PDB file of N, CA and C in Angstrom:
ATOM      1  N   MET A   1       0.756  -1.142   0.087  1.00  0.00           N
ATOM      2  CA  MET A   1       0.336   0.153   0.106  1.00  0.00           C
ATOM      3  C   MET A   1       0.799   0.844   0.368  1.00  0.00           C
ATOM      4  N   PRO A   2       1.077   2.224  -0.886  1.00  0.00           N
ATOM      5  CA  PRO A   2       1.422   3.207  -1.051  1.00  0.00           C
ATOM      6  C   PRO A   2       0.603   3.785   0.060  1.00  0.00           C
ATOM      7  N   LYS A   3       1.808   5.708   0.162  1.00  0.00           N
ATOM      8  CA  LYS A   3       1.597   6.336   1.134  1.00  0.00           C
ATOM      9  C   LYS A   3       1.366   7.478   0.756  1.00  0.00           C
ATOM     10  N   CYS A   4       0.512   8.327   0.765  1.00  0.00           N
ATOM     11  CA  CYS A   4       0.325   9.894   0.108  1.00  0.00           C
ATOM     12  C   CYS A   4       1.948  10.689   0.100  1.00  0.00           C
ATOM     13  N   SER A   5       2.039  11.188  -0.141  1.00  0.00           N
ATOM     14  CA  SER A   5       3.341  12.379  -0.264  1.00  0.00           C
ATOM     15  C   SER A   5       3.006  13.561   0.313  1.00  0.00           C
ATOM     16  N   TYR A   6       1.396  13.982   0.416  1.00  0.00           N
ATOM     17  CA  TYR A   6       0.856  15.127   0.536  1.00  0.00           C
ATOM     18  C   TYR A   6       0.573  15.037   1.989  1.00  0.00           C
ATOM     19  N   CYS A   7      -0.201  13.838   1.977  1.00  0.00           N
ATOM     20  CA  CYS A   7      -1.248  14.034   3.619  1.00  0.00           C
ATOM     21  C   CYS A   7      -0.451  12.967   4.059  1.00  0.00           C
ATOM     22  N   GLY A   8       0.411  12.128   3.602  1.00  0.00           N
ATOM     23  CA  GLY A   8       1.415  10.707   4.444  1.00  0.00           C
ATOM     24  C   GLY A   8      -0.613   9.831   4.852  1.00  0.00           C
ATOM     25  N   LYS A   9      -1.156   9.291   4.276  1.00  0.00           N
ATOM     26  CA  LYS A   9      -2.170   8.285   4.790  1.00  0.00           C
ATOM     27  C   LYS A   9      -1.594   7.424   3.730  1.00  0.00           C
ATOM     28  N   MET A  10      -2.528   6.198   4.164  1.00  0.00           N
ATOM     29  CA  MET A  10      -1.837   5.094   3.080  1.00  0.00           C
ATOM     30  C   MET A  10      -3.335   4.611   2.734  1.00  0.00           C
ATOM     31  N   TYR A  11      -3.028   4.232   1.379  1.00  0.00           N
ATOM     32  CA  TYR A  11      -5.058   3.921   0.390  1.00  0.00           C
ATOM     33  C   TYR A  11      -4.304   2.881  -0.732  1.00  0.00           C
ATOM     34  N   GLU A  12      -4.990   2.515  -1.173  1.00  0.00           N
ATOM     35  CA  GLU A  12      -4.937   1.290  -1.891  1.00  0.00           C
ATOM     36  C   GLU A  12      -4.833   1.752  -2.821  1.00  0.00           C
ATOM     37  N   PRO A  13      -4.244   0.626  -3.582  1.00  0.00           N
ATOM     38  CA  PRO A  13      -3.394   0.792  -5.443  1.00  0.00           C
ATOM     39  C   PRO A  13      -4.217   1.054  -6.241  1.00  0.00           C
ATOM     40  N   PRO A  14      -5.480   0.620  -6.616  1.00  0.00           N
ATOM     41  CA  PRO A  14      -5.981   1.395  -7.636  1.00  0.00           C
ATOM     42  C   PRO A  14      -6.525   2.665  -7.313  1.00  0.00           C
ATOM     43  N   ARG A  15      -6.312   3.223  -6.688  1.00  0.00           N
ATOM     44  CA  ARG A  15      -6.929   5.097  -6.572  1.00  0.00           C
ATOM     45  C   ARG A  15      -5.487   5.631  -5.929  1.00  0.00           C
ATOM     46  N   GLY A  16      -5.713   6.462  -6.680  1.00  0.00           N
ATOM     47  CA  GLY A  16      -5.016   7.500  -6.455  1.00  0.00           C
ATOM     48  C   GLY A  16      -4.281   7.962  -7.620  1.00  0.00           C
ATOM     49  N   LEU A  17      -2.889   8.583  -7.733  1.00  0.00           N
ATOM     50  CA  LEU A  17      -1.980   8.911  -8.499  1.00  0.00           C
ATOM     51  C   LEU A  17      -0.404   9.307  -8.239  1.00  0.00           C
ATOM     52  N   THR A  18       0.045   8.230  -9.335  1.00  0.00           N
ATOM     53  CA  THR A  18       1.619   8.766  -9.108  1.00  0.00           C
ATOM     54  C   THR A  18       2.248   9.087 -10.125  1.00  0.00           C
ATOM     55  N   LEU A  19       2.765  10.109  -9.215  1.00  0.00           N
ATOM     56  CA  LEU A  19       3.744  11.261 -10.388  1.00  0.00           C
ATOM     57  C   LEU A  19       5.240  10.684 -10.274  1.00  0.00           C
ATOM     58  N   VAL A  20       5.778  10.722 -11.126  1.00  0.00           N
ATOM     59  CA  VAL A  20       7.372  10.724 -11.681  1.00  0.00           C
ATOM     60  C   VAL A  20       7.712  11.793 -12.155  1.00  0.00           C
ATOM     61  N   ASN A  21       8.660  12.548 -11.758  1.00  0.00           N
ATOM     62  CA  ASN A  21       9.433  13.622 -12.540  1.00  0.00           C
ATOM     63  C   ASN A  21      10.388  13.124 -13.270  1.00  0.00           C
ATOM     64  N   LYS A  22      10.902  13.887 -13.982  1.00  0.00           N
ATOM     65  CA  LYS A  22      11.998  13.701 -15.136  1.00  0.00           C
ATOM     66  C   LYS A  22      13.703  12.879 -14.508  1.00  0.00           C
ATOM     67  N   GLU A  23      13.939  13.311 -13.218  1.00  0.00           N
ATOM     68  CA  GLU A  23      14.757  13.216 -12.418  1.00  0.00           C
ATOM     69  C   GLU A  23      14.537  11.856 -11.990  1.00  0.00           C
ATOM     70  N   GLY A  24      13.040  11.159 -11.706  1.00  0.00           N
ATOM     71  CA  GLY A  24      12.628   9.633 -11.370  1.00  0.00           C
ATOM     72  C   GLY A  24      12.158   9.591 -10.022  1.00  0.00           C
ATOM     73  N   HIS A  25      12.134  10.549  -9.187  1.00  0.00           N
ATOM     74  CA  HIS A  25      11.236  10.955  -8.009  1.00  0.00           C
ATOM     75  C   HIS A  25       9.647  10.637  -8.441  1.00  0.00           C
ATOM     76  N   VAL A  26       8.973   9.239  -7.299  1.00  0.00           N
ATOM     77  CA  VAL A  26       8.525   9.315  -7.339  1.00  0.00           C
ATOM     78  C   VAL A  26       7.396   9.771  -6.160  1.00  0.00           C
ATOM     79  N   LYS A  27       6.483  10.606  -6.326  1.00  0.00           N
ATOM     80  CA  LYS A  27       5.509  10.857  -5.255  1.00  0.00           C
ATOM     81  C   LYS A  27       3.951  10.093  -5.905  1.00  0.00           C
ATOM     82  N   TYR A  28       3.516   9.826  -4.684  1.00  0.00           N
ATOM     83  CA  TYR A  28       1.789   9.259  -4.372  1.00  0.00           C
ATOM     84  C   TYR A  28       0.964  10.324  -3.637  1.00  0.00           C
ATOM     85  N   LEU A  29       0.215  10.530  -4.697  1.00  0.00           N
ATOM     86  CA  LEU A  29      -0.801  11.104  -4.261  1.00  0.00           C
ATOM     87  C   LEU A  29      -2.642  10.164  -4.059  1.00  0.00           C
ATOM     88  N   CYS A  30      -3.105  10.303  -2.662  1.00  0.00           N
ATOM     89  CA  CYS A  30      -4.105   9.468  -2.606  1.00  0.00           C
ATOM     90  C   CYS A  30      -5.434  10.412  -3.408  1.00  0.00           C
ATOM     91  N   SER A  31      -5.646  11.457  -3.526  1.00  0.00           N
ATOM     92  CA  SER A  31      -6.685  11.993  -3.612  1.00  0.00           C
ATOM     93  C   SER A  31      -6.718  13.484  -4.596  1.00  0.00           C
ATOM     94  N   ALA A  32      -7.887  13.691  -5.715  1.00  0.00           N
ATOM     95  CA  ALA A  32      -7.440  14.958  -5.737  1.00  0.00           C
ATOM     96  C   ALA A  32      -7.675  16.099  -5.272  1.00  0.00           C
ATOM     97  N   LYS A  33      -7.438  16.098  -4.377  1.00  0.00           N
ATOM     98  CA  LYS A  33      -7.605  17.715  -3.226  1.00  0.00           C
ATOM     99  C   LYS A  33      -6.016  17.503  -2.823  1.00  0.00           C
ATOM    100  N   CYS A  34      -5.436  16.548  -2.356  1.00  0.00           N
ATOM    101  CA  CYS A  34      -3.783  16.493  -2.404  1.00  0.00           C
ATOM    102  C   CYS A  34      -2.948  16.418  -3.717  1.00  0.00           C
ATOM    103  N   ARG A  35      -3.596  16.030  -4.712  1.00  0.00           N
ATOM    104  CA  ARG A  35      -3.503  16.515  -6.057  1.00  0.00           C
ATOM    105  C   ARG A  35      -3.216  18.508  -6.260  1.00  0.00           C
ATOM    106  N   LYS A  36      -4.141  18.756  -5.694  1.00  0.00           N
ATOM    107  CA  LYS A  36      -4.520  19.948  -6.442  1.00  0.00           C
ATOM    108  C   LYS A  36      -3.989  21.047  -5.403  1.00  0.00           C
ATOM    109  N   ASN A  37      -3.566  20.469  -4.268  1.00  0.00           N
ATOM    110  CA  ASN A  37      -3.365  21.050  -3.065  1.00  0.00           C
ATOM    111  C   ASN A  37      -1.438  21.310  -3.200  1.00  0.00           C
ATOM    112  N   MET A  38      -0.760  20.119  -3.577  1.00  0.00           N
ATOM    113  CA  MET A  38       0.159  20.220  -4.109  1.00  0.00           C
ATOM    114  C   MET A  38       0.827  20.830  -5.287  1.00  0.00           C
ATOM    115  N   ALA A  39      -0.139  20.951  -6.127  1.00  0.00           N
ATOM    116  CA  ALA A  39       0.336  22.012  -7.738  1.00  0.00           C
ATOM    117  C   ALA A  39       0.112  23.485  -7.437  1.00  0.00           C
ATOM    118  N   MET A  40      -0.770  23.690  -6.019  1.00  0.00           N
ATOM    119  CA  MET A  40      -1.028  25.055  -5.763  1.00  0.00           C
ATOM    120  C   MET A  40       0.084  25.249  -4.665  1.00  0.00           C
ATOM    121  N   LYS A  41       1.301  24.135  -3.864  1.00  0.00           N
ATOM    122  CA  LYS A  41       2.251  24.592  -3.271  1.00  0.00           C
ATOM    123  C   LYS A  41       1.688  25.446  -2.037  1.00  0.00           C
ATOM    124  N   ARG A  42       0.711  24.173  -1.545  1.00  0.00           N
ATOM    125  CA  ARG A  42       0.418  24.725  -0.451  1.00  0.00           C
ATOM    126  C   ARG A  42       1.376  23.393   0.549  1.00  0.00           C
ATOM    127  N   ARG A  43       1.559  24.085   1.943  1.00  0.00           N
ATOM    128  CA  ARG A  43       2.003  23.475   3.059  1.00  0.00           C
ATOM    129  C   ARG A  43       1.174  23.073   3.842  1.00  0.00           C
ATOM    130  N   ARG A  44       1.078  21.695   4.372  1.00  0.00           N
ATOM    131  CA  ARG A  44       0.839  21.472   5.562  1.00  0.00           C
ATOM    132  C   ARG A  44       0.341  22.048   6.514  1.00  0.00           C
ATOM    133  N   VAL A  45      -0.509  22.420   7.559  1.00  0.00           N
ATOM    134  CA  VAL A  45      -0.194  23.396   8.458  1.00  0.00           C
ATOM    135  C   VAL A  45      -1.202  22.429   9.430  1.00  0.00           C
ATOM    136  N   ASN A  46      -0.537  22.526  10.200  1.00  0.00           N
ATOM    137  CA  ASN A  46      -0.959  21.795  11.932  1.00  0.00           C
ATOM    138  C   ASN A  46      -1.093  22.285  12.447  1.00  0.00           C
ATOM    139  N   TRP A  47      -1.815  24.064  12.800  1.00  0.00           N
ATOM    140  CA  TRP A  47      -2.054  24.838  13.583  1.00  0.00           C
ATOM    141  C   TRP A  47      -3.444  24.916  14.210  1.00  0.00           C
ATOM    142  N   ILE A  48      -4.327  24.268  13.508  1.00  0.00           N
ATOM    143  CA  ILE A  48      -5.897  24.422  14.175  1.00  0.00           C
ATOM    144  C   ILE A  48      -5.300  23.245  15.536  1.00  0.00           C
ATOM    145  N   LYS A  49      -5.063  21.975  14.912  1.00  0.00           N
ATOM    146  CA  LYS A  49      -5.244  21.449  16.219  1.00  0.00           C
ATOM    147  C   LYS A  49      -4.009  21.743  17.831  1.00  0.00           C
ATOM    148  N   LYS A  50      -2.913  22.990  17.282  1.00  0.00           N
ATOM    149  CA  LYS A  50      -2.570  23.386  18.620  1.00  0.00           C
ATOM    150  C   LYS A  50      -2.731  24.464  18.959  1.00  0.00           C
ATOM    151  N   GLY A  51      -3.920  24.840  18.263  1.00  0.00           N
ATOM    152  CA  GLY A  51      -4.578  26.603  18.842  1.00  0.00           C
ATOM    153  C   GLY A  51      -5.622  25.937  19.776  1.00  0.00           C
ATOM    154  N   LYS A  52      -6.075  25.179  19.283  1.00  0.00           N
ATOM    155  CA  LYS A  52      -7.446  25.313  19.913  1.00  0.00           C
ATOM    156  C   LYS A  52      -7.306  24.964  21.653  1.00  0.00           C
ATOM    157  N   LYS A  53      -7.692  25.405  22.914  1.00  0.00           N
ATOM    158  CA  LYS A  53      -7.400  25.323  23.819  1.00  0.00           C
ATOM    159  C   LYS A  53      -9.073  24.783  24.414  1.00  0.00           C
ATOM    160  N   THR A  54      -9.215  23.974  25.309  1.00  0.00           N
ATOM    161  CA  THR A  54     -10.448  23.145  26.429  1.00  0.00           C
ATOM    162  C   THR A  54     -11.045  24.764  27.318  1.00  0.00           C
ATOM    163  N   LYS A  55     -11.996  24.562  27.650  1.00  0.00           N
ATOM    164  CA  LYS A  55     -12.905  25.646  27.953  1.00  0.00           C
ATOM    165  C   LYS A  55     -11.959  25.879  29.726  1.00  0.00           C
ATOM    166  N   LYS A  56     -11.626  24.650  30.123  1.00  0.00           N
ATOM    167  CA  LYS A  56     -10.700  25.098  31.356  1.00  0.00           C
ATOM    168  C   LYS A  56      -9.577  25.344  31.626  1.00  0.00           C
ATOM    169  N   GLU A  57      -8.723  25.591  30.070  1.00  0.00           N
ATOM    170  CA  GLU A  57      -7.427  26.121  29.659  1.00  0.00           C
ATOM    171  C   GLU A  57      -8.086  27.681  29.540  1.00  0.00           C
ATOM    172  N   MET A  58      -8.475  27.782  28.586  1.00  0.00           N
ATOM    173  CA  MET A  58      -9.427  29.350  28.633  1.00  0.00           C
ATOM    174  C   MET A  58      -9.440  29.826  29.753  1.00  0.00           C
ATOM    175  N   LYS A  59     -10.513  28.991  30.913  1.00  0.00           N
ATOM    176  CA  LYS A  59     -10.877  30.004  32.066  1.00  0.00           C
ATOM    177  C   LYS A  59      -9.770  30.407  33.146  1.00  0.00           C
ATOM    178  N   LYS A  60      -8.679  29.251  32.973  1.00  0.00           N
ATOM    179  CA  LYS A  60      -7.701  29.099  34.125  1.00  0.00           C
ATOM    180  C   LYS A  60      -6.491  30.543  33.218  1.00  0.00           C
ATOM    181  N   GLU A  61      -6.336  30.512  32.149  1.00  0.00           N
ATOM    182  CA  GLU A  61      -5.417  32.048  31.892  1.00  0.00           C
ATOM    183  C   GLU A  61      -6.126  33.254  31.692  1.00  0.00           C
ATOM    184  N   ILE A  62      -7.633  33.227  31.816  1.00  0.00           N
ATOM    185  CA  ILE A  62      -8.247  34.491  32.254  1.00  0.00           C
ATOM    186  C   ILE A  62      -8.234  35.060  33.494  1.00  0.00           C
ATOM    187  N   THR A  63      -8.197  33.768  34.645  1.00  0.00           N
ATOM    188  CA  THR A  63      -8.194  34.174  35.659  1.00  0.00           C
ATOM    189  C   THR A  63      -6.997  34.610  36.078  1.00  0.00           C
ATOM    190  N   GLU A  64      -5.757  34.076  35.711  1.00  0.00           N
ATOM    191  CA  GLU A  64      -4.665  34.700  35.789  1.00  0.00           C
ATOM    192  C   GLU A  64      -4.085  36.060  35.559  1.00  0.00           C
ATOM    193  N   GLN A  65      -4.677  35.903  34.202  1.00  0.00           N
ATOM    194  CA  GLN A  65      -4.722  37.315  34.173  1.00  0.00           C
ATOM    195  C   GLN A  65      -4.990  38.746  34.728  1.00  0.00           C
ATOM    196  N   LYS A  66      -6.496  38.292  35.210  1.00  0.00           N
ATOM    197  CA  LYS A  66      -7.272  39.500  36.388  1.00  0.00           C
ATOM    198  C   LYS A  66      -6.178  39.315  37.766  1.00  0.00           C
ATOM    199  N   GLU A  67      -5.680  38.029  37.984  1.00  0.00           N
ATOM    200  CA  GLU A  67      -4.480  38.012  39.213  1.00  0.00           C
ATOM    201  C   GLU A  67      -3.498  39.195  39.157  1.00  0.00           C
ATOM    202  N   LYS A  68      -2.625  38.946  37.944  1.00  0.00           N
ATOM    203  CA  LYS A  68      -1.790  39.772  37.647  1.00  0.00           C
ATOM    204  C   LYS A  68      -2.060  41.515  38.040  1.00  0.00           C
ATOM    205  N   ALA A  69      -3.398  41.629  37.329  1.00  0.00           N
ATOM    206  CA  ALA A  69      -3.766  43.368  37.122  1.00  0.00           C
ATOM    207  C   ALA A  69      -4.252  43.458  38.248  1.00  0.00           C
TER     208      ALA A  69
END
């Protein structure tokens, strides 16, 4: 099973696309979404998961800020 070069997801062989450059580098893409994003030279961003905070963490930060002031 190949692994997508863009998103890193494993997929079945009949699906997806295999790109081979002139230099011989092989890139496997699992979907049209990955192909289009790679063509637009978008990078994968994981800031969404890192930026989300739980309600408890947010309340804790607010109380700390109030105590400092």
